[in-house]
Each structure stands twice: as C-alpha cells, then as structure tokens.
Protein backbone atom coordinates (compact mmCIF):
# COMPACT_ATOMS: atom_id res chain seq x y z
CA MET A 1 0.00 0.00 0.00
CA VAL A 2 1.12 3.55 -0.80
CA ASP A 3 0.39 6.40 1.60
CA ILE A 4 -0.01 9.88 0.09
CA ILE A 5 1.18 12.51 2.58
CA GLU A 6 1.06 15.60 0.36
CA CYS A 7 -1.54 17.03 -2.01
CA PRO A 8 -0.07 16.75 -5.54
CA ILE A 9 -1.76 19.96 -6.67
CA CYS A 10 -1.05 22.54 -3.95
CA LYS A 11 1.61 20.63 -1.94
CA ASN A 12 -0.38 21.01 1.27
CA LYS A 13 0.51 18.35 3.85
CA ASP A 14 -2.46 18.98 6.12
CA LEU A 15 -4.67 16.15 4.87
CA GLN A 16 -7.73 15.56 7.03
CA ASN A 17 -9.90 12.47 7.37
CA PHE A 18 -12.86 12.77 4.99
CA THR A 19 -14.68 9.41 4.85
CA ARG A 20 -14.25 5.66 4.40
CA CYS A 21 -15.63 3.83 1.36
CA ILE A 22 -16.12 0.20 0.38
CA ASP A 23 -14.99 -1.25 -2.94
CA TYR A 24 -18.33 -2.71 -4.05
CA THR A 25 -17.05 -3.88 -7.45
CA VAL A 26 -14.15 -6.23 -6.78
CA SER A 27 -12.56 -6.66 -3.36
CA HIS A 28 -15.16 -5.35 -0.84
CA GLU A 29 -12.25 -3.85 1.09
CA THR A 30 -12.61 -0.51 2.86
CA PHE A 31 -10.45 2.46 1.85
CA GLU A 32 -9.86 5.80 3.52
CA LEU A 33 -10.30 9.16 1.81
CA LYS A 34 -8.51 12.30 2.98
CA LEU A 35 -9.28 15.93 2.18
CA CYS A 36 -6.84 18.67 1.29
CA LYS A 37 -8.33 21.64 3.12
CA ASN A 38 -6.52 24.06 0.83
CA CYS A 39 -7.62 23.06 -2.71
CA THR A 40 -10.38 20.56 -1.66
CA LEU A 41 -8.91 17.60 -3.56
CA VAL A 42 -9.93 14.32 -1.89
CA ILE A 43 -7.34 11.54 -2.02
CA THR A 44 -7.67 7.77 -1.68
CA THR A 45 -4.87 6.97 0.77
CA PRO A 46 -3.38 4.58 1.51
CA ARG A 47 -3.97 2.90 -1.85
CA PRO A 48 -2.62 -0.17 -3.66
CA ASP A 49 0.67 0.42 -5.45
CA THR A 50 0.73 0.62 -9.24
CA ASN A 51 1.56 -3.07 -9.74
CA LYS A 52 -1.29 -4.19 -7.48
CA LEU A 53 -3.87 -1.70 -8.72
CA SER A 54 -4.63 -3.57 -11.95
CA GLU A 55 -6.17 -6.41 -9.91
CA TYR A 56 -8.99 -4.07 -8.83
CA TYR A 57 -10.15 -3.70 -12.44
CA GLN A 58 -10.57 -7.43 -13.02
CA SER A 59 -14.34 -7.73 -12.96
CA GLU A 60 -17.07 -8.17 -15.55
CA GLU A 61 -18.89 -5.43 -13.61
CA TYR A 62 -16.27 -2.92 -14.80
CA ILE A 63 -18.07 -2.32 -18.09
CA SER A 64 -15.72 0.24 -19.64
CA HIS A 65 -13.04 -2.47 -19.75
CA SER A 66 -15.11 -5.61 -20.25
CA GLY A 67 -17.52 -4.17 -22.84
CA LYS A 68 -20.23 -6.46 -21.44
CA SER A 69 -23.62 -5.43 -20.03
CA SER A 70 -24.61 -8.02 -17.45
CA GLY A 71 -27.51 -7.13 -15.17
CA GLY A 72 -29.82 -4.14 -15.10
CA ILE A 73 -27.15 -1.54 -14.40
CA GLY A 74 -24.98 -2.84 -17.25
CA PHE A 75 -27.92 -2.70 -19.64
CA ILE A 76 -28.70 0.89 -18.61
CA TYR A 77 -25.01 1.80 -18.97
CA LYS A 78 -24.86 0.58 -22.57
CA ILE A 79 -28.06 2.42 -23.54
CA ALA A 80 -26.76 5.62 -21.96
CA ARG A 81 -23.40 5.16 -23.70
CA GLY A 82 -25.10 5.36 -27.09
CA PHE A 83 -26.58 8.76 -26.25
CA SER A 84 -23.31 9.83 -24.64
CA LEU A 85 -21.23 9.03 -27.74
CA ASN A 86 -23.36 11.31 -29.91
CA TRP A 87 -23.27 14.03 -27.25
CA LYS A 88 -19.47 13.86 -26.99
CA LYS A 89 -19.12 13.97 -30.77
CA ALA A 90 -21.34 17.06 -30.95
CA ILE A 91 -19.29 18.81 -28.24
CA ILE A 92 -16.05 18.11 -30.13
CA LEU A 93 -17.45 19.23 -33.47
CA ASN A 94 -18.73 22.41 -31.88
CA HIS A 95 -15.10 23.36 -31.15
CA LYS A 96 -13.21 21.66 -34.01
CA LYS A 97 -14.77 20.47 -37.26
CA GLU A 98 -11.93 18.15 -38.23
CA GLY A 99 -8.40 17.14 -37.38
CA SER A 100 -6.48 14.74 -35.15
CA ILE A 101 -7.73 13.44 -31.82
CA LEU A 102 -6.09 11.54 -28.97
CA ASP A 103 -8.43 9.68 -26.63
CA PHE A 104 -6.56 8.99 -23.39
CA GLY A 105 -8.05 5.96 -21.64
CA CYS A 106 -10.12 4.94 -24.64
CA GLY A 107 -11.47 1.74 -23.05
CA THR A 108 -12.97 -0.58 -25.66
CA GLY A 109 -12.77 2.14 -28.32
CA GLU A 110 -16.39 3.16 -28.95
CA PHE A 111 -15.71 6.92 -28.84
CA LEU A 112 -12.59 6.63 -31.01
CA ASN A 113 -14.56 4.63 -33.55
CA THR A 114 -17.30 7.29 -33.56
CA MET A 115 -14.74 9.99 -34.37
CA ARG A 116 -13.04 7.76 -36.99
CA ASN A 117 -16.39 7.44 -38.74
CA CYS A 118 -16.52 11.25 -38.84
CA GLY A 119 -13.24 11.38 -40.73
CA TRP A 120 -10.96 12.25 -37.82
CA ASP A 121 -7.37 11.01 -37.53
CA ILE A 122 -7.60 8.95 -34.33
CA THR A 123 -5.04 7.84 -31.74
CA GLY A 124 -5.89 5.92 -28.58
CA VAL A 125 -4.23 5.04 -25.29
CA GLU A 126 -5.53 2.24 -23.06
CA PRO A 127 -3.49 0.43 -20.36
CA SER A 128 -5.92 -2.49 -19.94
CA ASP A 129 -4.82 -5.37 -22.19
CA HIS A 130 -8.36 -6.73 -22.48
CA ALA A 131 -9.96 -3.38 -23.32
CA ARG A 132 -7.11 -2.43 -25.67
CA THR A 133 -7.57 -5.62 -27.70
CA LYS A 134 -11.29 -4.89 -28.09
CA ALA A 135 -10.51 -1.30 -29.12
CA GLU A 136 -8.03 -2.45 -31.76
CA ILE A 137 -10.58 -4.83 -33.25
CA LEU A 138 -13.28 -2.14 -33.30
CA THR A 139 -11.15 0.71 -34.69
CA ILE A 140 -8.94 -1.48 -36.92
CA GLN A 141 -5.97 0.40 -35.54
CA LYS A 142 -3.14 -0.11 -33.05
CA ILE A 143 -3.93 1.32 -29.62
CA ASN A 144 -1.05 2.48 -27.43
CA HIS A 145 -0.47 1.07 -23.95
CA SER A 146 0.66 4.42 -22.49
CA LEU A 147 1.31 8.04 -23.40
CA GLU A 148 5.00 7.22 -23.81
CA GLY A 149 4.10 5.18 -26.89
CA ILE A 150 2.50 8.12 -28.69
CA PRO A 151 4.22 9.11 -31.95
CA ASP A 152 6.09 12.41 -32.05
CA LYS A 153 3.09 14.59 -32.97
CA LYS A 154 0.63 17.04 -31.49
CA PHE A 155 -3.14 16.82 -31.61
CA ASP A 156 -5.98 19.22 -32.35
CA VAL A 157 -8.09 17.62 -29.62
CA ILE A 158 -7.27 15.47 -26.59
CA THR A 159 -10.03 13.78 -24.61
CA ALA A 160 -9.90 12.10 -21.20
CA TRP A 161 -13.39 10.84 -20.39
CA HIS A 162 -13.39 9.74 -16.74
CA VAL A 163 -9.70 8.86 -16.78
CA VAL A 164 -7.74 11.47 -14.81
CA GLU A 165 -9.17 10.23 -11.51
CA HIS A 166 -7.51 6.84 -12.21
CA VAL A 167 -3.90 7.87 -12.91
CA PRO A 168 -1.37 7.51 -10.07
CA ASP A 169 0.87 10.31 -11.40
CA LEU A 170 -1.71 13.11 -11.57
CA LEU A 171 0.57 16.08 -12.30
CA GLU A 172 2.91 14.27 -14.67
CA THR A 173 0.01 12.89 -16.71
CA THR A 174 -1.75 16.26 -16.99
CA ARG A 175 1.49 17.93 -18.03
CA LYS A 176 2.10 15.22 -20.62
CA LEU A 177 -1.38 15.75 -22.07
CA LYS A 178 -0.68 19.48 -22.28
CA SER A 179 2.58 18.80 -24.15
CA LEU A 180 0.70 16.74 -26.75
CA VAL A 181 -1.94 19.32 -27.69
CA LYS A 182 -1.36 21.96 -30.37
CA LYS A 183 -1.15 25.61 -29.35
CA ASP A 184 -4.65 26.19 -30.72
CA GLY A 185 -5.85 22.76 -29.60
CA ILE A 186 -8.34 21.86 -26.89
CA ILE A 187 -8.35 19.36 -24.03
CA PHE A 188 -11.59 17.82 -22.74
CA ILE A 189 -11.46 16.28 -19.25
CA THR A 190 -14.39 14.71 -17.40
CA VAL A 191 -14.33 13.63 -13.76
CA PRO A 192 -16.92 12.90 -11.06
CA ASN A 193 -17.77 15.80 -8.73
CA TYR A 194 -18.02 14.67 -5.10
CA GLN A 195 -19.60 18.01 -4.12
CA SER A 196 -22.64 17.36 -6.34
CA PRO A 197 -26.10 16.97 -4.75
CA ASP A 198 -26.07 13.20 -5.29
CA GLY A 199 -22.55 13.01 -3.83
CA ASN A 200 -23.71 14.88 -0.74
CA PHE A 201 -26.80 12.66 -0.43
CA TYR A 202 -25.18 9.23 -0.77
CA LYS A 203 -22.02 10.25 1.13
CA GLU A 204 -19.63 7.28 1.62
CA GLY A 205 -21.98 5.10 -0.44
CA TRP A 206 -21.77 7.36 -3.48
CA ALA A 207 -20.78 5.27 -6.51
CA GLY A 208 -18.68 8.13 -7.89
CA PHE A 209 -15.98 7.41 -5.30
CA ASP A 210 -15.35 3.95 -6.83
CA VAL A 211 -12.38 3.15 -4.58
CA PRO A 212 -9.63 2.20 -5.04
CA ARG A 213 -9.83 2.64 -8.83
CA HIS A 214 -10.51 6.35 -8.33
CA LEU A 215 -7.37 7.67 -6.68
CA TRP A 216 -8.36 11.34 -6.81
CA HIS A 217 -11.79 12.90 -6.17
CA PHE A 218 -12.38 16.35 -7.60
CA SER A 219 -14.42 19.42 -6.82
CA LYS A 220 -14.67 22.33 -9.23
CA LYS A 221 -12.09 24.16 -7.13
CA SER A 222 -9.51 21.36 -7.16
CA MET A 223 -9.87 20.72 -10.91
CA SER A 224 -9.45 24.42 -11.64
CA ALA A 225 -6.32 24.40 -9.47
CA LEU A 226 -4.93 21.36 -11.32
CA LEU A 227 -5.45 22.98 -14.71
CA GLN A 228 -3.91 26.27 -13.60
CA PHE A 229 -0.94 24.56 -11.94
CA THR A 230 -0.13 22.59 -15.11
CA GLY A 231 -0.38 25.57 -17.47
CA LEU A 232 -3.88 25.02 -18.83
CA GLU A 233 -6.61 27.63 -19.06
CA LEU A 234 -10.20 26.65 -18.30
CA ILE A 235 -12.53 27.72 -21.12
CA ASN A 236 -15.83 26.22 -20.01
CA THR A 237 -17.44 23.74 -17.62
CA ILE A 238 -20.33 21.63 -18.89
CA PRO A 239 -22.52 19.16 -16.95
CA MET A 240 -22.73 15.50 -17.95
CA LYS A 241 -26.33 15.07 -16.87
CA LEU A 242 -26.75 11.39 -17.71
CA ASP A 243 -24.09 10.49 -15.15
CA ALA A 244 -26.29 11.61 -12.24
CA TYR A 245 -28.90 8.97 -13.10
CA TYR A 246 -26.40 6.15 -13.58
CA VAL A 247 -24.37 7.00 -10.46
CA SER A 248 -27.50 7.38 -8.31
CA MET A 249 -28.93 4.04 -9.46
CA LEU A 250 -25.60 2.35 -8.83
CA SER A 251 -25.45 3.97 -5.38
CA GLU A 252 -28.90 2.56 -4.61
CA LYS A 253 -27.63 -0.88 -5.62
CA TYR A 254 -24.72 -0.51 -3.20
CA LYS A 255 -27.11 0.49 -0.38
CA ASN A 256 -29.09 -2.70 -1.00
CA ASN A 257 -26.23 -5.21 -0.57
CA ASN A 258 -25.29 -4.95 -4.25
CA ARG A 259 -28.80 -5.91 -5.40
CA LEU A 260 -30.87 -3.65 -7.64
CA THR A 261 -34.63 -3.96 -7.29
CA LEU A 262 -37.17 -2.06 -9.35
CA GLY A 263 -37.88 0.17 -6.37
CA ARG A 264 -34.21 1.00 -5.93
CA LEU A 265 -33.88 1.62 -9.65
CA LEU A 266 -36.74 4.12 -9.58
CA LYS A 267 -35.40 5.79 -6.45
CA GLY A 268 -31.99 6.17 -8.05
CA PHE A 269 -33.53 7.63 -11.18
CA MET A 270 -35.49 10.17 -9.13
CA TRP A 271 -32.37 11.15 -7.20
CA GLY A 272 -30.51 11.61 -10.46
CA LEU A 273 -33.28 13.99 -11.56
CA LYS A 274 -33.21 15.85 -8.23
CA SER A 275 -29.43 16.14 -8.40
CA ASN A 276 -29.51 17.65 -11.89
CA LEU A 277 -32.22 20.13 -10.91
CA ARG A 278 -30.43 21.23 -7.75
CA ALA A 279 -27.07 21.50 -9.55
CA ARG A 280 -28.29 23.82 -12.31
CA ARG A 281 -27.65 27.17 -10.62
CA GLU A 282 -23.93 26.61 -9.99
CA THR A 283 -23.18 23.90 -12.59
CA ASN A 284 -22.34 21.51 -9.79
CA HIS A 285 -23.48 18.25 -11.37
CA SER A 286 -22.53 14.63 -10.63
CA SER A 287 -19.89 14.67 -13.39
CA LEU A 288 -18.43 17.69 -15.12
CA LEU A 289 -16.68 18.23 -18.43
CA TYR A 290 -13.82 20.71 -18.19
CA ILE A 291 -12.76 22.26 -21.51
CA ALA A 292 -9.27 23.77 -21.47
CA LYS A 293 -6.57 25.13 -23.72
CA VAL A 294 -2.86 25.85 -23.33
CA HIS A 295 -2.40 29.02 -21.30
CA GLU A 296 -0.75 31.76 -23.33
CA VAL A 297 1.91 33.66 -21.40
C-alpha cells in the first residue's frame, strides 16, 4: 500500500480524514479518503501500489473495460453510452470540425470509432490489455499502452473521459497531455464531482468514489487548481447530466447489498433527476466536463 502525505496539486501536507468507502465492485475492502483543506482535492490513501492496482479492475462489472452489459445496471449503462457518444461527438465538433484526436483511456474504443467514422485522424491510449484488444478490433488500428508510446506529434483535440481520476501520477500525466496538444488545440477532461447533490446525499456510499480505482476525487475548485498549476486555461465547464442517473442508481444498488430492485432503480432515477435540478444554478453536477486550452503567457 502507498500512503499519500502531500496534495499533488497545492503541496499542502495537512490532509484531514474525509470518509471511508467500500470497494463494491471487486474486493469489498474498505479504503480511507482524505481531504486537502486548501484546494479541496480528496485523495484515496493509503492505496494499492501501481503493480497491485490492476487487480482491482478485473471484474465483468467494470463495463468500460469488459464491454459487457450483465444485469440491469450494465444494460442501462450501454443504452446511456449510445446517447453519450453522440453528445461527446457534438461537443467536439462544436469546437473543431476536423483534425487529429487523442483519446486517453479509450477503453474498448467506442468513442474513437465514432470519431473515426466522422473522418478524424484517431489515436488511442488504453493500459488495460483486455480493453485495448477490443478497441483495436473495433477501430482497426493499433492502440497504445501508455502516453509514452505516442508518436512524435501534437493533436488538435485530446479527450480524457473519466480517466484522470484513475492515474497515479496526476501532475505528470496532466502535463504530458498538455505537451501533446497543439497551441490552438483543446483538451476535454471529465471527472466525477463529489460536491454534487447526489454526492452529498449518498455520502460514503456514493458510486462516484469507486475506490480504489478512483485515486483522486475532484471538486470544481480542485480541478481548476490542477489545470492552472499545469499551465492550462479553463474555457468552459459543462454538466454531464446522464451520469447523475447512472451514479444514483448504482449507489442505490450498493445500499441494497449490491442488489438492484425495481424500487431502488426508480429511487436512483429520481435522485438523479433531483441532483440535476439542484445543480443547475452553480453547474455543480454529478460529473463535469472541463474544456481547457494551453495558457498563453
């Protein structure tokens, strides 16, 4: 186990106990979360070291890697993913009509394939061997294991859909992404927001914590600090409204000993709706898309 004693963003060493969460997906172990009082980043610590961490992804329930949709939640996930792919494509095309795109943490490759079908020059990175193989079959293209394997080029667009919270080396990875985007390029980063209404309601049972796979847990303040610290300028913050429904239904499943009944499903759906309505005023939704560019000195 690795103990984090300093916030990677603001270097504050005063990390306070925040909560304890159970890994409902794989190990059913309990992990501690600590809060940086300065920038409000929440950190999973202690956490498995890098070599051990891959074992916590080995589950058919981890759909972004397995590509399977077992059970009610998996079925809902795959339906929502279809809508989400079109939404993501529209967001990209609203900023850049064509060009090259790097999808960091591309999973089984559905988003990359969507952009390939739009005529984009695609590049993917996926550390999971199983997911990477599926992505290569789908996109008919080699997918890189890490950012170090990327060819010597820069991209018009870089996307990281729910990936940054997984990387052990938070600052180094964000800086590397910045180095790979063109001066007029754009970076799209999505992460869960633990300060959302559904996060506050479900507390330690909130599915967005997803320990220990999620090593970092962001608020709007901590993500803004990360971008600023690594030389990126925040352009816009956009809610990912579908996530509130999925996360709330999954949280209800966790509350019910990992069983999802129709009643729990409906309750989770209603809490997703409540969360989106309550988050509107301050754009404080369950998951947020941060759009950034390289800061010009």
